[in-house]
Amino acid sequence: MVSSPHEAMHRIFQHDPHLFSRLSGLLGLPFPAPVEVSVMPTDLTEASPVERRLDTLLRLDSAKDGSLLLAIEAQGKKDPAKPASWAYYTAYLWTKYGLPTALLVVCQDRGTAEWAGRPVTSGPPQMPTLTVQPIVVGPHNMPVITDPAEARADLALTTLSAITHAGDPDIGAILKALSSALRDVPEDVADPIIEFTAQGLGNRPAREVWRNLVAVDLSFYTSYIAEEIRDEGRDEGRAQGNADAILIVLEQRGLAVSEAVRERVASCDDPDVLRRWLVRAVTVASAEEIFTENEA
């Protein structure tokens, strides 16, 4: 039951809407005097259902520190409306479950990651009532995993490394390490990693690199993407696709590609040779080295 003191403590501000302006001066708050003060409706109930969904929500239980909730959001670009949504999510979860709630935002480019990591407050600068401060994961702080042994030790982390670095020059080396690490793991473990990686790379040139690495390094698997690649490999024109992928990888890595290299790659119509060149393109120090047999 609402008590009289409760009502009095807030209704006095309805009675004299300018009371806060005077109070802020007494409290030493640098709050400017308002031109107008309006009493707003206090009912925050939504008249119609509004669908609000997190991308992923985890509950983390610890014997030492108790439980907490981790809300995970994937953010592909800057969105001025997002901080308000994140504030709603975390406040709602805190209210519903009564547990500390953290927010993790995963990004694929540095600009979005920098934007997402900035604290945003719901109140004016003088009264930062509610501050949203996500934990941000992106290419700025995710490790670049290029050692197959390290990749094998944590396949999921390496997959996230590949996804967050999808647009970086190092992506080819990460993908090569991941495909190598998957060679000796059970197929039911490798399959979701293969698919998650392909999805995370989107339509970037790195997706074609990954598809070809799967076809070469993991040719014995029957995952959807592996079967798709092998089926496409039987189609006419696949050689041209591999040739384009080789040149894209070399250029993305910042290597100089001479006309001689371009002509030799473009004139090759042997899918097996092109795949070997594509694998080498991920790690060679110069474009010409893709033709050297001992550069695997």
C-alpha atoms as a PDB file:
ATOM      1  CA  MET A   1       0.000   0.000   0.000  1.00  0.00           C
ATOM      2  CA  VAL A   2       1.320   3.441  -0.956  1.00  0.00           C
ATOM      3  CA  SER A   3       2.038   5.523   2.146  1.00  0.00           C
ATOM      4  CA  SER A   4       1.244   9.179   2.693  1.00  0.00           C
ATOM      5  CA  PRO A   5       4.930  10.172   2.940  1.00  0.00           C
ATOM      6  CA  HIS A   6       5.537   8.451  -0.387  1.00  0.00           C
ATOM      7  CA  GLU A   7       2.817  10.492  -2.020  1.00  0.00           C
ATOM      8  CA  ALA A   8       3.883  13.749  -0.435  1.00  0.00           C
ATOM      9  CA  MET A   9       7.518  13.368  -1.389  1.00  0.00           C
ATOM     10  CA  HIS A  10       6.738  13.394  -5.093  1.00  0.00           C
ATOM     11  CA  ARG A  11       3.395  15.202  -5.320  1.00  0.00           C
ATOM     12  CA  ILE A  12       4.936  18.374  -4.003  1.00  0.00           C
ATOM     13  CA  PHE A  13       6.737  18.613  -7.317  1.00  0.00           C
ATOM     14  CA  GLN A  14       3.408  18.373  -9.117  1.00  0.00           C
ATOM     15  CA  HIS A  15       2.001  21.072  -6.927  1.00  0.00           C
ATOM     16  CA  ASP A  16       4.907  23.422  -7.704  1.00  0.00           C
ATOM     17  CA  PRO A  17       6.525  22.321 -10.969  1.00  0.00           C
ATOM     18  CA  HIS A  18       9.278  24.923 -10.587  1.00  0.00           C
ATOM     19  CA  LEU A  19      10.340  23.557  -7.220  1.00  0.00           C
ATOM     20  CA  PHE A  20      13.088  21.470  -8.757  1.00  0.00           C
ATOM     21  CA  SER A  21      14.691  24.554 -10.326  1.00  0.00           C
ATOM     22  CA  ARG A  22      15.137  26.074  -6.916  1.00  0.00           C
ATOM     23  CA  LEU A  23      16.159  22.800  -5.327  1.00  0.00           C
ATOM     24  CA  SER A  24      18.866  22.195  -7.927  1.00  0.00           C
ATOM     25  CA  GLY A  25      20.501  25.462  -6.901  1.00  0.00           C
ATOM     26  CA  LEU A  26      20.588  24.388  -3.263  1.00  0.00           C
ATOM     27  CA  LEU A  27      22.114  21.064  -4.232  1.00  0.00           C
ATOM     28  CA  GLY A  28      24.793  22.702  -6.357  1.00  0.00           C
ATOM     29  CA  LEU A  29      23.560  21.077  -9.561  1.00  0.00           C
ATOM     30  CA  PRO A  30      24.451  23.132 -12.659  1.00  0.00           C
ATOM     31  CA  PHE A  31      20.937  22.801 -13.983  1.00  0.00           C
ATOM     32  CA  PRO A  32      19.659  25.694 -16.119  1.00  0.00           C
ATOM     33  CA  ALA A  33      16.408  27.324 -15.157  1.00  0.00           C
ATOM     34  CA  PRO A  34      13.670  25.901 -17.385  1.00  0.00           C
ATOM     35  CA  VAL A  35      11.584  28.106 -19.562  1.00  0.00           C
ATOM     36  CA  GLU A  36       8.556  25.921 -19.002  1.00  0.00           C
ATOM     37  CA  VAL A  37       7.733  22.936 -16.833  1.00  0.00           C
ATOM     38  CA  SER A  38       4.941  20.526 -17.704  1.00  0.00           C
ATOM     39  CA  VAL A  39       3.478  17.781 -15.578  1.00  0.00           C
ATOM     40  CA  MET A  40       3.500  14.637 -17.716  1.00  0.00           C
ATOM     41  CA  PRO A  41       1.351  11.486 -17.423  1.00  0.00           C
ATOM     42  CA  THR A  42       2.933   8.988 -15.051  1.00  0.00           C
ATOM     43  CA  ASP A  43       1.301   5.858 -16.454  1.00  0.00           C
ATOM     44  CA  LEU A  44       4.050   4.059 -18.406  1.00  0.00           C
ATOM     45  CA  THR A  45       1.901   1.054 -19.276  1.00  0.00           C
ATOM     46  CA  GLU A  46       1.941   0.324 -23.001  1.00  0.00           C
ATOM     47  CA  ALA A  47      -1.534   0.130 -24.468  1.00  0.00           C
ATOM     48  CA  SER A  48      -0.551  -2.499 -27.045  1.00  0.00           C
ATOM     49  CA  PRO A  49       2.066  -5.242 -26.886  1.00  0.00           C
ATOM     50  CA  VAL A  50       5.444  -4.198 -28.182  1.00  0.00           C
ATOM     51  CA  GLU A  51       7.819  -6.959 -29.228  1.00  0.00           C
ATOM     52  CA  ARG A  52      11.291  -6.498 -27.790  1.00  0.00           C
ATOM     53  CA  ARG A  53      13.858  -9.233 -28.297  1.00  0.00           C
ATOM     54  CA  LEU A  54      17.473  -9.575 -27.354  1.00  0.00           C
ATOM     55  CA  ASP A  55      19.795 -11.397 -29.685  1.00  0.00           C
ATOM     56  CA  THR A  56      21.037 -13.742 -26.932  1.00  0.00           C
ATOM     57  CA  LEU A  57      20.547 -13.869 -23.165  1.00  0.00           C
ATOM     58  CA  LEU A  58      22.724 -15.960 -20.857  1.00  0.00           C
ATOM     59  CA  ARG A  59      22.517 -16.581 -17.124  1.00  0.00           C
ATOM     60  CA  LEU A  60      25.937 -17.096 -15.542  1.00  0.00           C
ATOM     61  CA  ASP A  61      25.952 -18.836 -12.171  1.00  0.00           C
ATOM     62  CA  SER A  62      29.052 -18.735  -9.990  1.00  0.00           C
ATOM     63  CA  ALA A  63      29.589 -20.486  -6.679  1.00  0.00           C
ATOM     64  CA  LYS A  64      31.725 -17.587  -5.509  1.00  0.00           C
ATOM     65  CA  ASP A  65      30.040 -14.517  -6.980  1.00  0.00           C
ATOM     66  CA  GLY A  66      26.456 -15.697  -7.417  1.00  0.00           C
ATOM     67  CA  SER A  67      24.482 -15.258 -10.636  1.00  0.00           C
ATOM     68  CA  LEU A  68      24.304 -12.623 -13.327  1.00  0.00           C
ATOM     69  CA  LEU A  69      22.639 -12.130 -16.675  1.00  0.00           C
ATOM     70  CA  LEU A  70      24.545 -11.387 -19.849  1.00  0.00           C
ATOM     71  CA  ALA A  71      22.586  -9.766 -22.640  1.00  0.00           C
ATOM     72  CA  ILE A  72      24.361 -10.105 -25.989  1.00  0.00           C
ATOM     73  CA  GLU A  73      23.643  -7.891 -28.969  1.00  0.00           C
ATOM     74  CA  ALA A  74      25.186  -8.061 -32.433  1.00  0.00           C
ATOM     75  CA  GLN A  75      25.556  -4.581 -33.898  1.00  0.00           C
ATOM     76  CA  GLY A  76      26.398  -4.161 -37.567  1.00  0.00           C
ATOM     77  CA  LYS A  77      26.304  -0.366 -37.764  1.00  0.00           C
ATOM     78  CA  LYS A  78      25.756   2.771 -35.706  1.00  0.00           C
ATOM     79  CA  ASP A  79      22.155   3.236 -34.647  1.00  0.00           C
ATOM     80  CA  PRO A  80      21.229   6.259 -32.492  1.00  0.00           C
ATOM     81  CA  ALA A  81      18.128   4.445 -31.212  1.00  0.00           C
ATOM     82  CA  LYS A  82      20.037   1.464 -29.868  1.00  0.00           C
ATOM     83  CA  PRO A  83      21.306   2.859 -26.523  1.00  0.00           C
ATOM     84  CA  ALA A  84      17.718   3.489 -25.452  1.00  0.00           C
ATOM     85  CA  SER A  85      16.777  -0.070 -26.394  1.00  0.00           C
ATOM     86  CA  TRP A  86      19.791  -1.419 -24.521  1.00  0.00           C
ATOM     87  CA  ALA A  87      18.791   0.586 -21.454  1.00  0.00           C
ATOM     88  CA  TYR A  88      15.284  -0.860 -21.659  1.00  0.00           C
ATOM     89  CA  TYR A  89      16.589  -4.410 -22.017  1.00  0.00           C
ATOM     90  CA  THR A  90      18.953  -4.222 -19.061  1.00  0.00           C
ATOM     91  CA  ALA A  91      16.502  -2.390 -16.790  1.00  0.00           C
ATOM     92  CA  TYR A  92      13.725  -4.854 -17.651  1.00  0.00           C
ATOM     93  CA  LEU A  93      15.933  -7.875 -17.046  1.00  0.00           C
ATOM     94  CA  TRP A  94      17.184  -6.442 -13.767  1.00  0.00           C
ATOM     95  CA  THR A  95      13.583  -5.866 -12.679  1.00  0.00           C
ATOM     96  CA  LYS A  96      12.243  -9.226 -13.857  1.00  0.00           C
ATOM     97  CA  TYR A  97      15.005 -11.499 -12.575  1.00  0.00           C
ATOM     98  CA  GLY A  98      16.487  -9.407  -9.776  1.00  0.00           C
ATOM     99  CA  LEU A  99      19.996 -10.208 -10.997  1.00  0.00           C
ATOM    100  CA  PRO A 100      22.928  -8.009 -12.001  1.00  0.00           C
ATOM    101  CA  THR A 101      22.752  -7.550 -15.757  1.00  0.00           C
ATOM    102  CA  ALA A 102      25.628  -6.903 -18.130  1.00  0.00           C
ATOM    103  CA  LEU A 103      25.444  -6.024 -21.823  1.00  0.00           C
ATOM    104  CA  LEU A 104      27.863  -7.335 -24.428  1.00  0.00           C
ATOM    105  CA  VAL A 105      27.850  -5.812 -27.917  1.00  0.00           C
ATOM    106  CA  VAL A 106      29.674  -7.594 -30.732  1.00  0.00           C
ATOM    107  CA  CYS A 107      30.817  -5.540 -33.743  1.00  0.00           C
ATOM    108  CA  GLN A 108      32.696  -6.198 -36.980  1.00  0.00           C
ATOM    109  CA  ASP A 109      34.205  -2.786 -37.623  1.00  0.00           C
ATOM    110  CA  ARG A 110      36.181  -0.413 -35.449  1.00  0.00           C
ATOM    111  CA  GLY A 111      33.947   2.585 -36.028  1.00  0.00           C
ATOM    112  CA  THR A 112      30.832   0.802 -34.796  1.00  0.00           C
ATOM    113  CA  ALA A 113      32.747  -0.714 -31.881  1.00  0.00           C
ATOM    114  CA  GLU A 114      34.022   2.693 -30.790  1.00  0.00           C
ATOM    115  CA  TRP A 115      30.530   4.146 -31.026  1.00  0.00           C
ATOM    116  CA  ALA A 116      28.917   1.268 -29.123  1.00  0.00           C
ATOM    117  CA  GLY A 117      31.459   1.482 -26.309  1.00  0.00           C
ATOM    118  CA  ARG A 118      30.755   5.096 -25.443  1.00  0.00           C
ATOM    119  CA  PRO A 119      28.683   5.598 -22.286  1.00  0.00           C
ATOM    120  CA  VAL A 120      25.256   7.057 -23.024  1.00  0.00           C
ATOM    121  CA  THR A 121      23.085   8.632 -20.344  1.00  0.00           C
ATOM    122  CA  SER A 122      19.333   9.040 -20.345  1.00  0.00           C
ATOM    123  CA  GLY A 123      19.375  12.244 -18.331  1.00  0.00           C
ATOM    124  CA  PRO A 124      20.855  15.683 -18.990  1.00  0.00           C
ATOM    125  CA  PRO A 125      24.613  16.123 -18.440  1.00  0.00           C
ATOM    126  CA  GLN A 126      23.999  17.568 -14.969  1.00  0.00           C
ATOM    127  CA  MET A 127      21.984  14.508 -13.903  1.00  0.00           C
ATOM    128  CA  PRO A 128      23.201  11.313 -15.623  1.00  0.00           C
ATOM    129  CA  THR A 129      20.432   9.255 -14.045  1.00  0.00           C
ATOM    130  CA  LEU A 130      20.887   6.089 -16.101  1.00  0.00           C
ATOM    131  CA  THR A 131      24.080   5.283 -17.965  1.00  0.00           C
ATOM    132  CA  VAL A 132      24.401   2.533 -20.545  1.00  0.00           C
ATOM    133  CA  GLN A 133      27.979   1.242 -20.753  1.00  0.00           C
ATOM    134  CA  PRO A 134      28.215  -1.967 -22.798  1.00  0.00           C
ATOM    135  CA  ILE A 135      31.159  -4.289 -22.953  1.00  0.00           C
ATOM    136  CA  VAL A 136      32.193  -4.205 -26.613  1.00  0.00           C
ATOM    137  CA  VAL A 137      33.927  -6.933 -28.595  1.00  0.00           C
ATOM    138  CA  GLY A 138      35.260  -6.180 -32.061  1.00  0.00           C
ATOM    139  CA  PRO A 139      38.336  -6.018 -34.260  1.00  0.00           C
ATOM    140  CA  HIS A 140      39.891  -3.486 -31.879  1.00  0.00           C
ATOM    141  CA  ASN A 141      40.233  -5.963 -28.990  1.00  0.00           C
ATOM    142  CA  MET A 142      39.697  -9.495 -30.332  1.00  0.00           C
ATOM    143  CA  PRO A 143      42.891 -11.557 -30.754  1.00  0.00           C
ATOM    144  CA  VAL A 144      44.080 -12.399 -34.254  1.00  0.00           C
ATOM    145  CA  ILE A 145      44.465 -16.183 -34.050  1.00  0.00           C
ATOM    146  CA  THR A 146      46.712 -17.535 -36.815  1.00  0.00           C
ATOM    147  CA  ASP A 147      48.277 -20.546 -35.064  1.00  0.00           C
ATOM    148  CA  PRO A 148      46.395 -23.816 -35.786  1.00  0.00           C
ATOM    149  CA  ALA A 149      47.319 -25.181 -32.340  1.00  0.00           C
ATOM    150  CA  GLU A 150      45.874 -22.095 -30.658  1.00  0.00           C
ATOM    151  CA  ALA A 151      42.812 -22.289 -32.890  1.00  0.00           C
ATOM    152  CA  ARG A 152      42.329 -25.970 -32.029  1.00  0.00           C
ATOM    153  CA  ALA A 153      42.451 -25.145 -28.312  1.00  0.00           C
ATOM    154  CA  ASP A 154      39.394 -22.886 -28.639  1.00  0.00           C
ATOM    155  CA  LEU A 155      37.435 -23.293 -31.861  1.00  0.00           C
ATOM    156  CA  ALA A 156      34.597 -21.009 -30.791  1.00  0.00           C
ATOM    157  CA  LEU A 157      36.952 -18.172 -29.869  1.00  0.00           C
ATOM    158  CA  THR A 158      38.758 -18.566 -33.191  1.00  0.00           C
ATOM    159  CA  THR A 159      35.416 -18.460 -34.991  1.00  0.00           C
ATOM    160  CA  LEU A 160      34.550 -15.223 -33.178  1.00  0.00           C
ATOM    161  CA  SER A 161      38.013 -13.922 -34.070  1.00  0.00           C
ATOM    162  CA  ALA A 162      37.308 -14.666 -37.726  1.00  0.00           C
ATOM    163  CA  ILE A 163      33.862 -13.074 -37.596  1.00  0.00           C
ATOM    164  CA  THR A 164      35.006  -9.876 -35.879  1.00  0.00           C
ATOM    165  CA  HIS A 165      38.034  -9.556 -38.178  1.00  0.00           C
ATOM    166  CA  ALA A 166      36.048 -10.398 -41.327  1.00  0.00           C
ATOM    167  CA  GLY A 167      37.111  -7.188 -43.070  1.00  0.00           C
ATOM    168  CA  ASP A 168      40.726  -7.122 -41.893  1.00  0.00           C
ATOM    169  CA  PRO A 169      43.839  -7.972 -43.964  1.00  0.00           C
ATOM    170  CA  ASP A 170      44.663 -10.777 -41.491  1.00  0.00           C
ATOM    171  CA  ILE A 171      41.418 -12.633 -42.111  1.00  0.00           C
ATOM    172  CA  GLY A 172      42.982 -15.105 -44.552  1.00  0.00           C
ATOM    173  CA  ALA A 173      45.543 -16.291 -41.990  1.00  0.00           C
ATOM    174  CA  ILE A 174      42.827 -16.682 -39.345  1.00  0.00           C
ATOM    175  CA  LEU A 175      40.667 -18.750 -41.696  1.00  0.00           C
ATOM    176  CA  LYS A 176      43.610 -20.920 -42.681  1.00  0.00           C
ATOM    177  CA  ALA A 177      44.421 -21.594 -39.013  1.00  0.00           C
ATOM    178  CA  LEU A 178      40.777 -22.461 -38.327  1.00  0.00           C
ATOM    179  CA  SER A 179      40.438 -24.833 -41.283  1.00  0.00           C
ATOM    180  CA  SER A 180      43.685 -26.547 -40.293  1.00  0.00           C
ATOM    181  CA  ALA A 181      42.485 -26.886 -36.712  1.00  0.00           C
ATOM    182  CA  LEU A 182      39.261 -28.547 -37.850  1.00  0.00           C
ATOM    183  CA  ARG A 183      40.979 -31.353 -39.748  1.00  0.00           C
ATOM    184  CA  ASP A 184      41.207 -33.757 -36.819  1.00  0.00           C
ATOM    185  CA  VAL A 185      38.059 -32.918 -34.837  1.00  0.00           C
ATOM    186  CA  PRO A 186      34.776 -34.871 -35.003  1.00  0.00           C
ATOM    187  CA  GLU A 187      32.457 -33.889 -37.792  1.00  0.00           C
ATOM    188  CA  ASP A 188      29.628 -32.987 -35.413  1.00  0.00           C
ATOM    189  CA  VAL A 189      31.983 -30.470 -33.780  1.00  0.00           C
ATOM    190  CA  ALA A 190      33.346 -29.108 -37.047  1.00  0.00           C
ATOM    191  CA  ASP A 191      30.013 -28.669 -38.844  1.00  0.00           C
ATOM    192  CA  PRO A 192      28.583 -25.817 -36.726  1.00  0.00           C
ATOM    193  CA  ILE A 193      31.955 -24.051 -36.707  1.00  0.00           C
ATOM    194  CA  ILE A 194      32.081 -24.225 -40.507  1.00  0.00           C
ATOM    195  CA  GLU A 195      28.569 -22.834 -40.828  1.00  0.00           C
ATOM    196  CA  PHE A 196      28.936 -20.110 -38.182  1.00  0.00           C
ATOM    197  CA  THR A 197      32.112 -18.900 -39.854  1.00  0.00           C
ATOM    198  CA  ALA A 198      30.485 -18.779 -43.272  1.00  0.00           C
ATOM    199  CA  GLN A 199      27.502 -16.875 -41.906  1.00  0.00           C
ATOM    200  CA  GLY A 200      29.680 -14.450 -39.987  1.00  0.00           C
ATOM    201  CA  LEU A 201      31.753 -13.531 -43.023  1.00  0.00           C
ATOM    202  CA  GLY A 202      28.628 -12.468 -44.886  1.00  0.00           C
ATOM    203  CA  ASN A 203      29.187 -11.340 -48.470  1.00  0.00           C
ATOM    204  CA  ARG A 204      32.769 -10.221 -47.934  1.00  0.00           C
ATOM    205  CA  PRO A 205      35.567 -11.613 -50.150  1.00  0.00           C
ATOM    206  CA  ALA A 206      36.716 -13.654 -47.155  1.00  0.00           C
ATOM    207  CA  ARG A 207      33.633 -15.859 -47.524  1.00  0.00           C
ATOM    208  CA  GLU A 208      34.948 -17.173 -50.833  1.00  0.00           C
ATOM    209  CA  VAL A 209      38.318 -17.830 -49.213  1.00  0.00           C
ATOM    210  CA  TRP A 210      36.619 -19.802 -46.453  1.00  0.00           C
ATOM    211  CA  ARG A 211      34.525 -21.800 -48.883  1.00  0.00           C
ATOM    212  CA  ASN A 212      37.613 -22.841 -50.800  1.00  0.00           C
ATOM    213  CA  LEU A 213      39.560 -23.691 -47.650  1.00  0.00           C
ATOM    214  CA  VAL A 214      36.692 -25.913 -46.569  1.00  0.00           C
ATOM    215  CA  ALA A 215      36.712 -27.609 -49.959  1.00  0.00           C
ATOM    216  CA  VAL A 216      40.484 -28.226 -49.809  1.00  0.00           C
ATOM    217  CA  ASP A 217      41.279 -28.820 -46.140  1.00  0.00           C
ATOM    218  CA  LEU A 218      37.980 -30.385 -45.107  1.00  0.00           C
ATOM    219  CA  SER A 219      37.013 -32.232 -48.256  1.00  0.00           C
ATOM    220  CA  PHE A 220      36.072 -35.330 -46.239  1.00  0.00           C
ATOM    221  CA  TYR A 221      33.298 -33.520 -44.362  1.00  0.00           C
ATOM    222  CA  THR A 222      29.671 -33.619 -45.466  1.00  0.00           C
ATOM    223  CA  SER A 223      28.523 -30.314 -44.008  1.00  0.00           C
ATOM    224  CA  TYR A 224      26.123 -28.200 -46.026  1.00  0.00           C
ATOM    225  CA  ILE A 225      28.722 -25.681 -47.081  1.00  0.00           C
ATOM    226  CA  ALA A 226      31.288 -28.356 -47.949  1.00  0.00           C
ATOM    227  CA  GLU A 227      28.767 -30.192 -50.126  1.00  0.00           C
ATOM    228  CA  GLU A 228      27.678 -26.926 -51.717  1.00  0.00           C
ATOM    229  CA  ILE A 229      31.238 -26.057 -52.606  1.00  0.00           C
ATOM    230  CA  ARG A 230      31.996 -29.476 -54.058  1.00  0.00           C
ATOM    231  CA  ASP A 231      28.803 -29.367 -56.141  1.00  0.00           C
ATOM    232  CA  GLU A 232      29.711 -25.950 -57.447  1.00  0.00           C
ATOM    233  CA  GLY A 233      33.183 -27.224 -58.229  1.00  0.00           C
ATOM    234  CA  ARG A 234      31.649 -29.491 -60.826  1.00  0.00           C
ATOM    235  CA  ASP A 235      29.953 -26.607 -62.562  1.00  0.00           C
ATOM    236  CA  GLU A 236      31.481 -24.917 -65.567  1.00  0.00           C
ATOM    237  CA  GLY A 237      33.001 -21.574 -64.737  1.00  0.00           C
ATOM    238  CA  ARG A 238      34.175 -22.524 -61.247  1.00  0.00           C
ATOM    239  CA  ALA A 239      37.774 -22.043 -62.317  1.00  0.00           C
ATOM    240  CA  GLN A 240      37.091 -18.383 -63.045  1.00  0.00           C
ATOM    241  CA  GLY A 241      35.609 -17.955 -59.584  1.00  0.00           C
ATOM    242  CA  ASN A 242      38.720 -19.402 -57.986  1.00  0.00           C
ATOM    243  CA  ALA A 243      40.941 -17.185 -60.097  1.00  0.00           C
ATOM    244  CA  ASP A 244      39.016 -14.095 -58.992  1.00  0.00           C
ATOM    245  CA  ALA A 245      39.240 -15.203 -55.354  1.00  0.00           C
ATOM    246  CA  ILE A 246      43.030 -15.552 -55.583  1.00  0.00           C
ATOM    247  CA  LEU A 247      43.436 -12.023 -56.880  1.00  0.00           C
ATOM    248  CA  ILE A 248      41.014 -10.639 -54.288  1.00  0.00           C
ATOM    249  CA  VAL A 249      42.923 -12.281 -51.438  1.00  0.00           C
ATOM    250  CA  LEU A 250      46.255 -10.964 -52.676  1.00  0.00           C
ATOM    251  CA  GLU A 251      44.879  -7.456 -53.099  1.00  0.00           C
ATOM    252  CA  GLN A 252      43.106  -7.488 -49.717  1.00  0.00           C
ATOM    253  CA  ARG A 253      46.394  -8.421 -48.084  1.00  0.00           C
ATOM    254  CA  GLY A 254      48.037  -5.399 -49.684  1.00  0.00           C
ATOM    255  CA  LEU A 255      50.384  -7.370 -51.933  1.00  0.00           C
ATOM    256  CA  ALA A 256      51.441  -5.997 -55.312  1.00  0.00           C
ATOM    257  CA  VAL A 257      49.917  -8.055 -58.121  1.00  0.00           C
ATOM    258  CA  SER A 258      51.740  -7.768 -61.436  1.00  0.00           C
ATOM    259  CA  GLU A 259      50.143  -8.201 -64.840  1.00  0.00           C
ATOM    260  CA  ALA A 260      52.124 -11.418 -65.277  1.00  0.00           C
ATOM    261  CA  VAL A 261      50.582 -12.868 -62.130  1.00  0.00           C
ATOM    262  CA  ARG A 262      47.105 -11.775 -63.205  1.00  0.00           C
ATOM    263  CA  GLU A 263      47.482 -13.331 -66.641  1.00  0.00           C
ATOM    264  CA  ARG A 264      48.828 -16.629 -65.295  1.00  0.00           C
ATOM    265  CA  VAL A 265      46.023 -16.924 -62.748  1.00  0.00           C
ATOM    266  CA  ALA A 266      43.320 -15.940 -65.219  1.00  0.00           C
ATOM    267  CA  SER A 267      44.563 -18.371 -67.893  1.00  0.00           C
ATOM    268  CA  CYS A 268      44.615 -21.384 -65.571  1.00  0.00           C
ATOM    269  CA  ASP A 269      41.566 -23.635 -65.919  1.00  0.00           C
ATOM    270  CA  ASP A 270      42.657 -26.439 -63.575  1.00  0.00           C
ATOM    271  CA  PRO A 271      40.474 -26.245 -60.407  1.00  0.00           C
ATOM    272  CA  ASP A 272      42.972 -28.211 -58.316  1.00  0.00           C
ATOM    273  CA  VAL A 273      45.867 -25.926 -59.216  1.00  0.00           C
ATOM    274  CA  LEU A 274      43.779 -22.834 -58.586  1.00  0.00           C
ATOM    275  CA  ARG A 275      42.776 -24.131 -55.159  1.00  0.00           C
ATOM    276  CA  ARG A 276      46.402 -24.723 -54.228  1.00  0.00           C
ATOM    277  CA  TRP A 277      47.252 -21.189 -55.320  1.00  0.00           C
ATOM    278  CA  LEU A 278      44.316 -19.827 -53.315  1.00  0.00           C
ATOM    279  CA  VAL A 279      45.488 -21.594 -50.152  1.00  0.00           C
ATOM    280  CA  ARG A 280      48.990 -20.185 -50.629  1.00  0.00           C
ATOM    281  CA  ALA A 281      47.591 -16.705 -51.298  1.00  0.00           C
ATOM    282  CA  VAL A 282      46.519 -16.544 -47.669  1.00  0.00           C
ATOM    283  CA  THR A 283      50.080 -16.639 -46.279  1.00  0.00           C
ATOM    284  CA  VAL A 284      52.662 -15.846 -49.007  1.00  0.00           C
ATOM    285  CA  ALA A 285      54.881 -12.807 -48.674  1.00  0.00           C
ATOM    286  CA  SER A 286      54.590 -11.860 -52.355  1.00  0.00           C
ATOM    287  CA  ALA A 287      52.073 -12.583 -55.095  1.00  0.00           C
ATOM    288  CA  GLU A 288      54.617 -14.534 -57.178  1.00  0.00           C
ATOM    289  CA  GLU A 289      55.110 -17.067 -54.378  1.00  0.00           C
ATOM    290  CA  ILE A 290      51.695 -18.639 -54.940  1.00  0.00           C
ATOM    291  CA  PHE A 291      53.248 -20.487 -57.893  1.00  0.00           C
ATOM    292  CA  THR A 292      56.014 -22.034 -55.766  1.00  0.00           C
ATOM    293  CA  GLU A 293      55.201 -25.622 -54.903  1.00  0.00           C
ATOM    294  CA  ASN A 294      56.770 -25.587 -51.457  1.00  0.00           C
ATOM    295  CA  GLU A 295      54.638 -22.609 -50.380  1.00  0.00           C
ATOM    296  CA  ALA A 296      51.707 -24.508 -48.888  1.00  0.00           C
END
